[in-house]
């Protein structure tokens, strides 16, 4: 299936969009993740058994000082984005949940829009498309001025073959930001898909010209 391009990560509240793209069908190898020295992103290892496991348990219980500086919010976002780029969606989702718990514990005000956006991307990577769609819909309701959620919502709709709804979402992305070239490019893809469907239906009804057009649009889409 053809894929629309999704944005990663989202712009901030001032709509300063990041330029780190990711595609739903990308198989490119991402750079190696840097060593993470922050409990927020450290994933729980499988427990050891026997004497080795006991020794590790005692080590965990021993008091120790953490001399590492905690990661900033921007650094956490960068690390989670890297996990997503590497296809480590479950690890990214765990890190996102850890970050959300940390925000609650520290009573940080407001909503972390970046975190919501990354969570939707992680859910999409885990094929939880309906959950991802719900997050994007919530974001478009509370932050309609951000074009990225609209764009990624369109990509989710396309996964479900809801091309008209995908087109509507892309139009809203361009209402939010008329210079958003990613949404405009994706709109062209959707319009070609819709045209191909129309030509194909006309071809089945007996139109030889439509059959030729269907073949031509399909060839463009497959490039």
N, C-alpha and C. Protein backbone atom coordinates (compact mmCIF):
# COMPACT_ATOMS: atom_id res chain seq x y z
N UNK A 1 0.84 -1.19 0.00
CA UNK A 1 0.00 0.00 0.00
C UNK A 1 0.88 1.25 0.00
N UNK A 2 0.43 2.26 -0.77
CA UNK A 2 1.14 3.52 -0.78
C UNK A 2 1.00 4.20 0.57
N UNK A 3 1.98 5.01 0.92
CA UNK A 3 1.97 5.63 2.24
C UNK A 3 2.14 7.13 2.12
N UNK A 4 1.39 7.85 2.93
CA UNK A 4 1.60 9.29 3.05
C UNK A 4 2.76 9.52 3.99
N UNK A 5 3.36 10.68 3.85
CA UNK A 5 4.47 11.03 4.73
C UNK A 5 3.93 11.63 6.01
N UNK A 6 4.45 11.16 7.14
CA UNK A 6 4.04 11.71 8.43
C UNK A 6 5.15 12.57 8.98
N UNK A 7 4.78 13.44 9.91
CA UNK A 7 5.74 14.38 10.45
C UNK A 7 6.19 13.94 11.84
N UNK A 8 7.49 14.09 12.10
CA UNK A 8 8.03 13.72 13.41
C UNK A 8 9.21 14.61 13.76
N UNK A 9 9.16 15.30 14.89
CA UNK A 9 8.02 15.46 15.77
C UNK A 9 7.16 16.63 15.36
N UNK A 10 6.16 16.93 16.15
CA UNK A 10 5.23 18.02 15.87
C UNK A 10 5.91 19.37 16.12
N UNK A 11 5.29 20.42 15.59
CA UNK A 11 5.77 21.77 15.90
C UNK A 11 5.41 22.09 17.33
N UNK A 12 6.11 23.10 17.89
CA UNK A 12 5.75 23.52 19.25
C UNK A 12 4.57 24.48 19.18
N UNK A 13 4.22 25.04 20.31
CA UNK A 13 3.03 25.89 20.37
C UNK A 13 3.14 27.10 19.47
N UNK A 14 4.38 27.51 19.15
CA UNK A 14 4.56 28.65 18.25
C UNK A 14 4.60 28.21 16.80
N UNK A 15 4.31 26.89 16.56
CA UNK A 15 4.25 26.36 15.21
C UNK A 15 5.59 26.38 14.52
N UNK A 16 6.68 26.16 15.27
CA UNK A 16 8.02 26.06 14.70
C UNK A 16 8.26 24.60 14.41
N UNK A 17 8.00 24.19 13.17
CA UNK A 17 7.99 22.77 12.83
C UNK A 17 9.37 22.19 12.75
N UNK A 18 9.54 20.97 13.30
CA UNK A 18 10.80 20.26 13.15
C UNK A 18 10.93 19.76 11.73
N UNK A 19 12.13 19.49 11.28
CA UNK A 19 12.36 19.02 9.92
C UNK A 19 12.81 17.58 9.92
N UNK A 20 12.44 16.78 10.93
CA UNK A 20 12.80 15.38 10.98
C UNK A 20 11.64 14.57 10.45
N UNK A 21 11.64 14.16 9.16
CA UNK A 21 10.51 13.42 8.62
C UNK A 21 10.63 11.93 8.87
N UNK A 22 9.48 11.24 8.81
CA UNK A 22 9.48 9.79 8.87
C UNK A 22 8.31 9.32 8.04
N UNK A 23 8.43 8.21 7.32
CA UNK A 23 7.34 7.71 6.52
C UNK A 23 6.83 6.42 7.09
N UNK A 24 5.55 6.15 6.82
CA UNK A 24 4.94 4.96 7.37
C UNK A 24 5.53 3.70 6.77
N UNK A 25 6.10 3.80 5.57
CA UNK A 25 6.64 2.60 4.94
C UNK A 25 8.16 2.66 4.83
N UNK A 26 8.81 3.46 5.65
CA UNK A 26 10.25 3.61 5.55
C UNK A 26 10.96 2.42 6.15
N UNK A 27 11.95 1.88 5.41
CA UNK A 27 12.77 0.79 5.91
C UNK A 27 14.21 1.22 6.09
N UNK A 28 14.45 2.53 6.02
CA UNK A 28 15.82 3.02 6.15
C UNK A 28 16.33 2.79 7.56
N UNK A 29 17.60 2.47 7.68
CA UNK A 29 18.19 2.23 8.99
C UNK A 29 18.45 3.56 9.67
N UNK A 30 18.01 3.69 10.89
CA UNK A 30 18.24 4.91 11.67
C UNK A 30 19.58 4.82 12.35
N UNK A 31 20.19 5.96 12.72
CA UNK A 31 21.47 5.92 13.42
C UNK A 31 21.35 5.23 14.75
N UNK A 32 22.45 4.72 15.25
CA UNK A 32 22.44 4.02 16.54
C UNK A 32 22.04 4.97 17.65
N UNK A 33 21.27 4.46 18.58
CA UNK A 33 20.83 5.30 19.70
C UNK A 33 21.98 5.58 20.64
N UNK A 34 22.12 6.82 21.10
CA UNK A 34 23.18 7.13 22.05
C UNK A 34 22.89 6.45 23.38
N UNK A 35 23.92 6.28 24.17
CA UNK A 35 23.74 5.68 25.48
C UNK A 35 22.85 6.57 26.33
N UNK A 36 21.82 5.98 26.90
CA UNK A 36 20.87 6.74 27.68
C UNK A 36 21.20 6.59 29.16
N UNK A 37 21.50 7.68 29.81
CA UNK A 37 21.84 7.66 31.23
C UNK A 37 20.77 8.42 31.99
N UNK A 38 19.54 7.97 31.82
CA UNK A 38 18.42 8.63 32.45
C UNK A 38 17.36 7.58 32.75
N UNK A 39 16.88 7.52 34.00
CA UNK A 39 15.93 6.47 34.36
C UNK A 39 14.63 6.54 33.57
N UNK A 40 14.31 7.71 33.03
CA UNK A 40 13.09 7.84 32.26
C UNK A 40 13.07 6.93 31.05
N UNK A 41 14.21 6.79 30.40
CA UNK A 41 14.28 6.02 29.16
C UNK A 41 14.93 4.65 29.34
N UNK A 42 15.27 4.29 30.56
CA UNK A 42 15.87 2.98 30.79
C UNK A 42 14.76 1.96 30.92
N UNK A 43 14.77 0.97 30.04
CA UNK A 43 13.72 -0.02 29.99
C UNK A 43 14.06 -1.17 30.93
N UNK A 44 13.05 -1.74 31.56
CA UNK A 44 13.26 -2.79 32.55
C UNK A 44 13.82 -4.05 31.91
N UNK A 45 14.98 -4.56 32.38
CA UNK A 45 15.54 -5.79 31.83
C UNK A 45 14.80 -7.00 32.37
N UNK A 46 14.99 -8.15 31.71
CA UNK A 46 14.39 -9.38 32.19
C UNK A 46 15.10 -9.80 33.49
N UNK A 47 14.35 -10.23 34.50
CA UNK A 47 14.96 -10.58 35.78
C UNK A 47 15.83 -11.82 35.68
N UNK A 48 16.98 -11.77 36.38
CA UNK A 48 17.87 -12.92 36.45
C UNK A 48 17.43 -13.83 37.60
N UNK A 49 17.75 -15.12 37.49
CA UNK A 49 17.39 -16.07 38.52
C UNK A 49 18.64 -16.53 39.27
N UNK A 50 18.43 -17.24 40.38
CA UNK A 50 19.54 -17.83 41.13
C UNK A 50 20.35 -16.78 41.87
N UNK A 51 21.64 -17.15 42.15
CA UNK A 51 22.51 -16.26 42.93
C UNK A 51 22.77 -14.95 42.20
N UNK A 52 22.86 -15.02 40.87
CA UNK A 52 23.11 -13.80 40.11
C UNK A 52 21.94 -12.82 40.28
N UNK A 53 20.73 -13.38 40.24
CA UNK A 53 19.56 -12.53 40.42
C UNK A 53 19.51 -11.93 41.80
N UNK A 54 19.89 -12.70 42.83
CA UNK A 54 19.91 -12.19 44.20
C UNK A 54 20.92 -11.07 44.34
N UNK A 55 22.10 -11.27 43.74
CA UNK A 55 23.14 -10.24 43.80
C UNK A 55 22.67 -8.95 43.15
N UNK A 56 21.97 -9.08 42.03
CA UNK A 56 21.47 -7.88 41.34
C UNK A 56 20.39 -7.20 42.18
N UNK A 57 19.54 -7.99 42.85
CA UNK A 57 18.51 -7.42 43.70
C UNK A 57 19.12 -6.63 44.85
N UNK A 58 20.17 -7.19 45.45
CA UNK A 58 20.84 -6.48 46.54
C UNK A 58 21.50 -5.21 46.04
N UNK A 59 22.03 -5.26 44.81
CA UNK A 59 22.67 -4.09 44.22
C UNK A 59 21.66 -2.97 44.03
N UNK A 60 20.44 -3.36 43.59
CA UNK A 60 19.39 -2.36 43.40
C UNK A 60 18.99 -1.72 44.72
N UNK A 61 18.96 -2.54 45.80
CA UNK A 61 18.55 -2.03 47.11
C UNK A 61 19.61 -1.16 47.77
N UNK A 62 20.87 -1.34 47.36
CA UNK A 62 21.95 -0.58 47.99
C UNK A 62 21.80 0.92 47.68
N UNK A 63 21.95 1.78 48.68
CA UNK A 63 21.83 3.23 48.43
C UNK A 63 22.96 3.72 47.54
N UNK A 64 22.64 4.59 46.61
CA UNK A 64 23.66 5.12 45.71
C UNK A 64 23.25 6.51 45.26
N UNK A 65 24.22 7.27 44.85
CA UNK A 65 23.97 8.62 44.36
C UNK A 65 23.99 8.62 42.84
N UNK A 66 23.01 9.30 42.25
CA UNK A 66 22.96 9.42 40.80
C UNK A 66 23.61 10.75 40.42
N UNK A 67 24.75 10.68 39.78
CA UNK A 67 25.48 11.90 39.43
C UNK A 67 25.14 12.41 38.04
N UNK A 68 24.30 11.64 37.32
CA UNK A 68 23.96 12.06 35.96
C UNK A 68 22.91 13.16 36.00
N UNK A 69 23.07 14.12 35.10
CA UNK A 69 22.07 15.17 34.98
C UNK A 69 20.84 14.62 34.28
N UNK A 70 19.63 14.92 34.77
CA UNK A 70 18.43 14.43 34.11
C UNK A 70 18.28 15.08 32.73
N UNK A 71 17.65 14.33 31.83
CA UNK A 71 17.44 14.86 30.48
C UNK A 71 16.39 15.96 30.52
N UNK A 72 16.56 16.95 29.67
CA UNK A 72 15.55 18.00 29.52
C UNK A 72 14.38 17.44 28.71
N UNK A 73 13.26 18.18 28.71
CA UNK A 73 12.11 17.75 27.93
C UNK A 73 12.44 17.59 26.47
N UNK A 74 13.24 18.51 25.93
CA UNK A 74 13.62 18.43 24.52
C UNK A 74 14.48 17.21 24.24
N UNK A 75 15.37 16.88 25.18
CA UNK A 75 16.22 15.70 25.00
C UNK A 75 15.42 14.42 25.06
N UNK A 76 14.43 14.37 25.95
CA UNK A 76 13.56 13.20 26.04
C UNK A 76 12.82 13.01 24.73
N UNK A 77 12.28 14.10 24.19
CA UNK A 77 11.58 14.04 22.90
C UNK A 77 12.49 13.52 21.81
N UNK A 78 13.73 13.99 21.81
CA UNK A 78 14.69 13.57 20.79
C UNK A 78 14.98 12.07 20.91
N UNK A 79 15.16 11.58 22.13
CA UNK A 79 15.45 10.16 22.33
C UNK A 79 14.27 9.29 21.92
N UNK A 80 13.06 9.72 22.29
CA UNK A 80 11.87 8.96 21.92
C UNK A 80 11.69 8.95 20.40
N UNK A 81 11.95 10.09 19.78
CA UNK A 81 11.85 10.16 18.31
C UNK A 81 12.83 9.20 17.66
N UNK A 82 14.01 9.08 18.25
CA UNK A 82 15.02 8.16 17.72
C UNK A 82 14.55 6.72 17.84
N UNK A 83 13.93 6.38 18.96
CA UNK A 83 13.39 5.03 19.13
C UNK A 83 12.34 4.75 18.07
N UNK A 84 11.48 5.72 17.79
CA UNK A 84 10.45 5.55 16.77
C UNK A 84 11.07 5.38 15.38
N UNK A 85 12.09 6.17 15.10
CA UNK A 85 12.77 6.08 13.81
C UNK A 85 13.41 4.71 13.61
N UNK A 86 13.82 4.08 14.70
CA UNK A 86 14.43 2.76 14.64
C UNK A 86 13.39 1.64 14.68
N UNK A 87 12.12 2.00 14.73
CA UNK A 87 11.07 1.00 14.75
C UNK A 87 10.85 0.37 16.12
N UNK A 88 11.43 0.95 17.16
CA UNK A 88 11.28 0.42 18.52
C UNK A 88 10.07 1.06 19.18
N UNK A 89 8.91 0.73 18.64
CA UNK A 89 7.68 1.41 19.05
C UNK A 89 7.27 1.07 20.48
N UNK A 90 7.45 -0.19 20.89
CA UNK A 90 7.09 -0.57 22.26
C UNK A 90 7.99 0.14 23.27
N UNK A 91 9.28 0.21 22.97
CA UNK A 91 10.20 0.92 23.85
C UNK A 91 9.84 2.40 23.93
N UNK A 92 9.49 2.97 22.78
CA UNK A 92 9.11 4.38 22.74
C UNK A 92 7.86 4.62 23.57
N UNK A 93 6.89 3.72 23.45
CA UNK A 93 5.64 3.87 24.20
C UNK A 93 5.90 3.78 25.71
N UNK A 94 6.79 2.88 26.11
CA UNK A 94 7.12 2.76 27.53
C UNK A 94 7.80 4.03 28.03
N UNK A 95 8.71 4.58 27.23
CA UNK A 95 9.39 5.82 27.61
C UNK A 95 8.39 6.97 27.71
N UNK A 96 7.42 7.00 26.80
CA UNK A 96 6.39 8.05 26.83
C UNK A 96 5.55 7.94 28.11
N UNK A 97 5.20 6.71 28.46
CA UNK A 97 4.41 6.51 29.68
C UNK A 97 5.23 6.90 30.92
N UNK A 98 6.53 6.58 30.91
CA UNK A 98 7.39 6.98 32.02
C UNK A 98 7.45 8.50 32.15
N UNK A 99 7.55 9.17 31.03
CA UNK A 99 7.61 10.63 31.02
C UNK A 99 6.30 11.24 31.53
N UNK A 100 5.18 10.64 31.13
CA UNK A 100 3.88 11.13 31.57
C UNK A 100 3.74 10.98 33.09
N UNK A 101 4.19 9.85 33.63
CA UNK A 101 4.15 9.64 35.08
C UNK A 101 5.04 10.65 35.80
N UNK A 102 6.20 10.92 35.21
CA UNK A 102 7.11 11.90 35.81
C UNK A 102 6.47 13.28 35.85
N UNK A 103 5.80 13.66 34.79
CA UNK A 103 5.12 14.96 34.74
C UNK A 103 4.05 15.05 35.82
N UNK A 104 3.30 13.96 36.01
CA UNK A 104 2.26 13.94 37.03
C UNK A 104 2.85 14.05 38.43
N UNK A 105 3.93 13.33 38.66
CA UNK A 105 4.57 13.35 39.97
C UNK A 105 5.14 14.72 40.31
N UNK A 106 5.67 15.39 39.28
CA UNK A 106 6.27 16.70 39.49
C UNK A 106 5.27 17.83 39.32
N UNK A 107 4.00 17.45 39.09
CA UNK A 107 2.92 18.43 38.94
C UNK A 107 3.23 19.49 37.89
N UNK A 108 3.79 19.04 36.77
CA UNK A 108 4.09 19.97 35.68
C UNK A 108 2.77 20.46 35.08
N UNK A 109 2.63 21.76 34.89
CA UNK A 109 1.37 22.30 34.37
C UNK A 109 1.21 22.07 32.87
N UNK A 110 -0.04 22.15 32.42
CA UNK A 110 -0.31 22.09 30.99
C UNK A 110 -0.21 20.69 30.42
N UNK A 111 -0.39 20.64 29.10
CA UNK A 111 -0.33 19.38 28.35
C UNK A 111 0.93 19.36 27.50
N UNK A 112 1.63 18.24 27.53
CA UNK A 112 2.82 18.09 26.69
C UNK A 112 2.37 17.63 25.31
N UNK A 113 2.23 18.59 24.39
CA UNK A 113 1.72 18.30 23.05
C UNK A 113 2.67 17.36 22.31
N UNK A 114 3.95 17.58 22.48
CA UNK A 114 4.94 16.72 21.82
C UNK A 114 4.75 15.27 22.25
N UNK A 115 4.51 15.06 23.53
CA UNK A 115 4.36 13.71 24.06
C UNK A 115 3.12 13.04 23.48
N UNK A 116 2.03 13.77 23.37
CA UNK A 116 0.82 13.23 22.77
C UNK A 116 1.07 12.81 21.33
N UNK A 117 1.77 13.67 20.60
CA UNK A 117 2.05 13.41 19.20
C UNK A 117 2.92 12.16 19.04
N UNK A 118 3.94 12.04 19.88
CA UNK A 118 4.82 10.87 19.83
C UNK A 118 4.07 9.60 20.21
N UNK A 119 3.16 9.71 21.16
CA UNK A 119 2.38 8.54 21.55
C UNK A 119 1.52 8.04 20.40
N UNK A 120 0.92 8.96 19.68
CA UNK A 120 0.11 8.57 18.52
C UNK A 120 0.96 7.86 17.47
N UNK A 121 2.16 8.37 17.25
CA UNK A 121 3.06 7.73 16.29
C UNK A 121 3.48 6.34 16.74
N UNK A 122 3.73 6.18 18.04
CA UNK A 122 4.11 4.87 18.56
C UNK A 122 2.96 3.89 18.41
N UNK A 123 1.74 4.32 18.71
CA UNK A 123 0.58 3.46 18.57
C UNK A 123 0.36 3.06 17.11
N UNK A 124 0.57 4.01 16.22
CA UNK A 124 0.45 3.70 14.80
C UNK A 124 1.47 2.64 14.38
N UNK A 125 2.70 2.78 14.88
CA UNK A 125 3.74 1.80 14.57
C UNK A 125 3.42 0.42 15.10
N UNK A 126 2.60 0.36 16.16
CA UNK A 126 2.17 -0.92 16.74
C UNK A 126 0.86 -1.40 16.14
N UNK A 127 0.44 -0.76 15.05
CA UNK A 127 -0.80 -1.10 14.33
C UNK A 127 -2.05 -0.81 15.15
N UNK A 128 -1.93 0.05 16.16
CA UNK A 128 -3.08 0.46 16.95
C UNK A 128 -3.64 1.75 16.32
N UNK A 129 -4.13 1.61 15.10
CA UNK A 129 -4.50 2.80 14.32
C UNK A 129 -5.70 3.54 14.91
N UNK A 130 -6.68 2.83 15.43
CA UNK A 130 -7.84 3.51 16.00
C UNK A 130 -7.46 4.36 17.21
N UNK A 131 -6.54 3.84 18.04
CA UNK A 131 -6.08 4.61 19.19
C UNK A 131 -5.28 5.84 18.74
N UNK A 132 -4.46 5.65 17.71
CA UNK A 132 -3.70 6.79 17.17
C UNK A 132 -4.64 7.85 16.61
N UNK A 133 -5.67 7.40 15.90
CA UNK A 133 -6.64 8.33 15.32
C UNK A 133 -7.33 9.13 16.41
N UNK A 134 -7.68 8.48 17.52
CA UNK A 134 -8.36 9.19 18.60
C UNK A 134 -7.48 10.29 19.19
N UNK A 135 -6.18 9.99 19.35
CA UNK A 135 -5.27 11.02 19.87
C UNK A 135 -5.17 12.19 18.89
N UNK A 136 -5.02 11.89 17.60
CA UNK A 136 -4.94 12.95 16.60
C UNK A 136 -6.23 13.78 16.57
N UNK A 137 -7.38 13.11 16.70
CA UNK A 137 -8.65 13.83 16.71
C UNK A 137 -8.72 14.77 17.92
N UNK A 138 -8.29 14.27 19.08
CA UNK A 138 -8.27 15.13 20.28
C UNK A 138 -7.36 16.33 20.06
N UNK A 139 -6.21 16.09 19.44
CA UNK A 139 -5.26 17.18 19.21
C UNK A 139 -5.83 18.21 18.24
N UNK A 140 -6.52 17.74 17.20
CA UNK A 140 -7.09 18.69 16.25
C UNK A 140 -8.23 19.49 16.87
N UNK A 141 -8.86 18.92 17.90
CA UNK A 141 -9.93 19.65 18.60
C UNK A 141 -9.36 20.74 19.51
N UNK A 142 -8.29 20.39 20.25
CA UNK A 142 -7.72 21.32 21.22
C UNK A 142 -6.65 22.23 20.61
N UNK A 143 -6.00 21.77 19.55
CA UNK A 143 -4.94 22.56 18.92
C UNK A 143 -5.14 22.59 17.40
N UNK A 144 -6.27 23.14 16.93
CA UNK A 144 -6.55 23.13 15.49
C UNK A 144 -5.56 23.93 14.67
N UNK A 145 -4.79 24.80 15.34
CA UNK A 145 -3.82 25.63 14.61
C UNK A 145 -2.56 24.86 14.22
N UNK A 146 -2.40 23.65 14.74
CA UNK A 146 -1.22 22.84 14.41
C UNK A 146 -1.52 21.96 13.20
N UNK A 147 -0.75 22.09 12.13
CA UNK A 147 -1.06 21.31 10.92
C UNK A 147 -0.63 19.85 10.99
N UNK A 148 0.39 19.53 11.81
CA UNK A 148 0.94 18.18 11.82
C UNK A 148 -0.05 17.10 12.24
N UNK A 149 -0.85 17.32 13.30
CA UNK A 149 -1.85 16.30 13.63
C UNK A 149 -2.85 16.04 12.51
N UNK A 150 -3.23 17.11 11.82
CA UNK A 150 -4.14 16.93 10.67
C UNK A 150 -3.49 16.07 9.60
N UNK A 151 -2.22 16.33 9.33
CA UNK A 151 -1.50 15.57 8.30
C UNK A 151 -1.41 14.08 8.68
N UNK A 152 -1.04 13.82 9.93
CA UNK A 152 -0.88 12.43 10.35
C UNK A 152 -2.22 11.72 10.50
N UNK A 153 -3.26 12.48 10.82
CA UNK A 153 -4.60 11.91 10.83
C UNK A 153 -4.98 11.43 9.43
N UNK A 154 -4.60 12.21 8.43
CA UNK A 154 -4.86 11.81 7.04
C UNK A 154 -4.13 10.51 6.71
N UNK A 155 -2.90 10.37 7.19
CA UNK A 155 -2.14 9.15 6.94
C UNK A 155 -2.82 7.94 7.58
N UNK A 156 -3.40 8.14 8.77
CA UNK A 156 -4.11 7.04 9.44
C UNK A 156 -5.37 6.67 8.66
N UNK A 157 -6.11 7.68 8.20
CA UNK A 157 -7.32 7.41 7.42
C UNK A 157 -6.98 6.66 6.13
N UNK A 158 -5.84 7.02 5.53
CA UNK A 158 -5.45 6.35 4.30
C UNK A 158 -5.19 4.87 4.56
N UNK A 159 -4.60 4.56 5.74
CA UNK A 159 -4.36 3.17 6.11
C UNK A 159 -5.67 2.37 6.14
N UNK A 160 -6.76 3.04 6.44
CA UNK A 160 -8.06 2.39 6.52
C UNK A 160 -8.88 2.59 5.25
N UNK A 161 -8.22 3.09 4.20
CA UNK A 161 -8.84 3.30 2.89
C UNK A 161 -9.99 4.31 2.96
N UNK A 162 -9.90 5.26 3.88
CA UNK A 162 -10.89 6.32 3.99
C UNK A 162 -10.32 7.58 3.32
N UNK A 163 -10.28 7.53 1.99
CA UNK A 163 -9.57 8.56 1.24
C UNK A 163 -10.25 9.93 1.32
N UNK A 164 -11.57 9.96 1.31
CA UNK A 164 -12.28 11.24 1.40
C UNK A 164 -11.99 11.92 2.75
N UNK A 165 -11.99 11.13 3.81
CA UNK A 165 -11.70 11.69 5.13
C UNK A 165 -10.25 12.13 5.22
N UNK A 166 -9.36 11.39 4.56
CA UNK A 166 -7.95 11.79 4.52
C UNK A 166 -7.80 13.12 3.80
N UNK A 167 -8.52 13.28 2.69
CA UNK A 167 -8.46 14.53 1.94
C UNK A 167 -8.96 15.70 2.77
N UNK A 168 -10.06 15.50 3.50
CA UNK A 168 -10.60 16.55 4.36
C UNK A 168 -9.57 16.96 5.43
N UNK A 169 -8.88 15.98 5.99
CA UNK A 169 -7.88 16.27 7.02
C UNK A 169 -6.72 17.08 6.45
N UNK A 170 -6.30 16.74 5.25
CA UNK A 170 -5.21 17.48 4.62
C UNK A 170 -5.62 18.91 4.29
N UNK A 171 -6.87 19.08 3.91
CA UNK A 171 -7.37 20.44 3.65
C UNK A 171 -7.34 21.27 4.94
N UNK A 172 -7.67 20.64 6.05
CA UNK A 172 -7.62 21.34 7.34
C UNK A 172 -6.18 21.68 7.73
N UNK A 173 -5.25 20.78 7.39
CA UNK A 173 -3.83 21.06 7.66
C UNK A 173 -3.39 22.31 6.91
N UNK A 174 -3.87 22.47 5.69
CA UNK A 174 -3.50 23.63 4.89
C UNK A 174 -4.24 24.89 5.33
N UNK A 175 -5.41 24.72 5.93
CA UNK A 175 -6.09 25.87 6.54
C UNK A 175 -5.25 26.37 7.71
N UNK A 176 -4.71 25.41 8.46
CA UNK A 176 -3.87 25.78 9.61
C UNK A 176 -2.57 26.43 9.16
N UNK A 177 -2.01 25.94 8.05
CA UNK A 177 -0.74 26.49 7.54
C UNK A 177 -0.70 26.28 6.04
N UNK A 178 -0.99 27.32 5.30
CA UNK A 178 -1.06 27.22 3.84
C UNK A 178 0.30 26.95 3.20
N UNK A 179 1.39 27.15 3.97
CA UNK A 179 2.73 26.91 3.43
C UNK A 179 3.25 25.52 3.79
N UNK A 180 2.40 24.69 4.38
CA UNK A 180 2.81 23.36 4.83
C UNK A 180 2.92 22.43 3.61
N UNK A 181 4.10 22.36 3.03
CA UNK A 181 4.31 21.64 1.77
C UNK A 181 4.10 20.13 1.92
N UNK A 182 4.36 19.60 3.10
CA UNK A 182 4.18 18.16 3.31
C UNK A 182 2.71 17.77 3.11
N UNK A 183 1.80 18.55 3.70
CA UNK A 183 0.37 18.27 3.54
C UNK A 183 -0.07 18.47 2.10
N UNK A 184 0.49 19.48 1.44
CA UNK A 184 0.11 19.72 0.05
C UNK A 184 0.57 18.57 -0.85
N UNK A 185 1.77 18.07 -0.60
CA UNK A 185 2.26 16.93 -1.37
C UNK A 185 1.40 15.69 -1.12
N UNK A 186 1.06 15.45 0.15
CA UNK A 186 0.21 14.31 0.48
C UNK A 186 -1.18 14.46 -0.14
N UNK A 187 -1.66 15.69 -0.24
CA UNK A 187 -2.95 15.92 -0.87
C UNK A 187 -2.92 15.48 -2.34
N UNK A 188 -1.82 15.77 -3.00
CA UNK A 188 -1.67 15.33 -4.39
C UNK A 188 -1.75 13.82 -4.50
N UNK A 189 -1.13 13.11 -3.56
CA UNK A 189 -1.18 11.64 -3.56
C UNK A 189 -2.62 11.15 -3.39
N UNK A 190 -3.34 11.74 -2.44
CA UNK A 190 -4.71 11.33 -2.19
C UNK A 190 -5.59 11.61 -3.41
N UNK A 191 -5.39 12.78 -4.02
CA UNK A 191 -6.20 13.12 -5.19
C UNK A 191 -5.94 12.16 -6.34
N UNK A 192 -4.69 11.72 -6.49
CA UNK A 192 -4.38 10.72 -7.51
C UNK A 192 -5.06 9.39 -7.20
N UNK A 193 -5.07 9.01 -5.92
CA UNK A 193 -5.72 7.75 -5.53
C UNK A 193 -7.22 7.81 -5.82
N UNK A 194 -7.83 8.95 -5.50
CA UNK A 194 -9.25 9.11 -5.77
C UNK A 194 -9.54 9.11 -7.26
N UNK A 195 -8.67 9.76 -8.03
CA UNK A 195 -8.83 9.77 -9.49
C UNK A 195 -8.70 8.36 -10.04
N UNK A 196 -7.74 7.60 -9.53
CA UNK A 196 -7.54 6.23 -9.99
C UNK A 196 -8.78 5.39 -9.70
N UNK A 197 -9.38 5.59 -8.52
CA UNK A 197 -10.59 4.85 -8.18
C UNK A 197 -11.72 5.18 -9.14
N UNK A 198 -11.88 6.47 -9.45
CA UNK A 198 -12.95 6.89 -10.36
C UNK A 198 -12.74 6.33 -11.76
N UNK A 199 -11.51 6.40 -12.26
CA UNK A 199 -11.21 5.85 -13.58
C UNK A 199 -11.43 4.34 -13.61
N UNK A 200 -11.06 3.68 -12.52
CA UNK A 200 -11.21 2.23 -12.46
C UNK A 200 -12.69 1.84 -12.49
N UNK A 201 -13.52 2.59 -11.75
CA UNK A 201 -14.95 2.31 -11.74
C UNK A 201 -15.56 2.56 -13.12
N UNK A 202 -15.14 3.64 -13.79
CA UNK A 202 -15.64 3.93 -15.14
C UNK A 202 -15.17 2.86 -16.12
N UNK A 203 -13.95 2.37 -15.91
CA UNK A 203 -13.42 1.32 -16.78
C UNK A 203 -14.26 0.05 -16.67
N UNK A 204 -14.65 -0.29 -15.45
CA UNK A 204 -15.46 -1.49 -15.23
C UNK A 204 -16.85 -1.34 -15.85
N UNK A 205 -17.27 -0.07 -16.02
CA UNK A 205 -18.56 0.19 -16.65
C UNK A 205 -18.47 0.17 -18.17
N UNK A 206 -17.24 0.00 -18.71
CA UNK A 206 -17.09 -0.17 -20.16
C UNK A 206 -16.35 0.94 -20.87
N UNK A 207 -15.80 1.92 -20.17
CA UNK A 207 -15.10 3.02 -20.81
C UNK A 207 -13.64 2.65 -21.05
N UNK A 208 -13.26 2.57 -22.32
CA UNK A 208 -11.88 2.23 -22.66
C UNK A 208 -10.94 3.39 -22.33
N UNK A 209 -11.41 4.62 -22.49
CA UNK A 209 -10.59 5.79 -22.16
C UNK A 209 -10.29 5.81 -20.66
N UNK A 210 -11.30 5.49 -19.85
CA UNK A 210 -11.10 5.46 -18.40
C UNK A 210 -10.12 4.36 -18.02
N UNK A 211 -10.14 3.25 -18.77
CA UNK A 211 -9.21 2.17 -18.48
C UNK A 211 -7.77 2.64 -18.69
N UNK A 212 -7.56 3.41 -19.75
CA UNK A 212 -6.22 3.95 -20.02
C UNK A 212 -5.80 4.92 -18.93
N UNK A 213 -6.74 5.78 -18.51
CA UNK A 213 -6.44 6.74 -17.44
C UNK A 213 -6.15 6.03 -16.12
N UNK A 214 -6.88 4.97 -15.86
CA UNK A 214 -6.65 4.21 -14.63
C UNK A 214 -5.25 3.62 -14.62
N UNK A 215 -4.81 3.12 -15.76
CA UNK A 215 -3.47 2.55 -15.86
C UNK A 215 -2.41 3.63 -15.70
N UNK A 216 -2.68 4.81 -16.26
CA UNK A 216 -1.71 5.91 -16.17
C UNK A 216 -1.58 6.43 -14.74
N UNK A 217 -2.70 6.62 -14.05
CA UNK A 217 -2.63 7.12 -12.68
C UNK A 217 -2.00 6.09 -11.75
N UNK A 218 -2.31 4.81 -11.99
CA UNK A 218 -1.72 3.76 -11.17
C UNK A 218 -0.21 3.73 -11.35
N UNK A 219 0.25 3.93 -12.56
CA UNK A 219 1.69 3.94 -12.83
C UNK A 219 2.38 5.08 -12.08
N UNK A 220 1.72 6.25 -12.04
CA UNK A 220 2.29 7.39 -11.32
C UNK A 220 2.34 7.09 -9.83
N UNK A 221 1.29 6.50 -9.30
CA UNK A 221 1.23 6.20 -7.87
C UNK A 221 2.28 5.16 -7.45
N UNK A 222 2.64 4.30 -8.36
CA UNK A 222 3.60 3.24 -8.05
C UNK A 222 5.05 3.70 -8.18
N UNK A 223 5.27 4.90 -8.66
CA UNK A 223 6.65 5.40 -8.83
C UNK A 223 7.26 5.73 -7.46
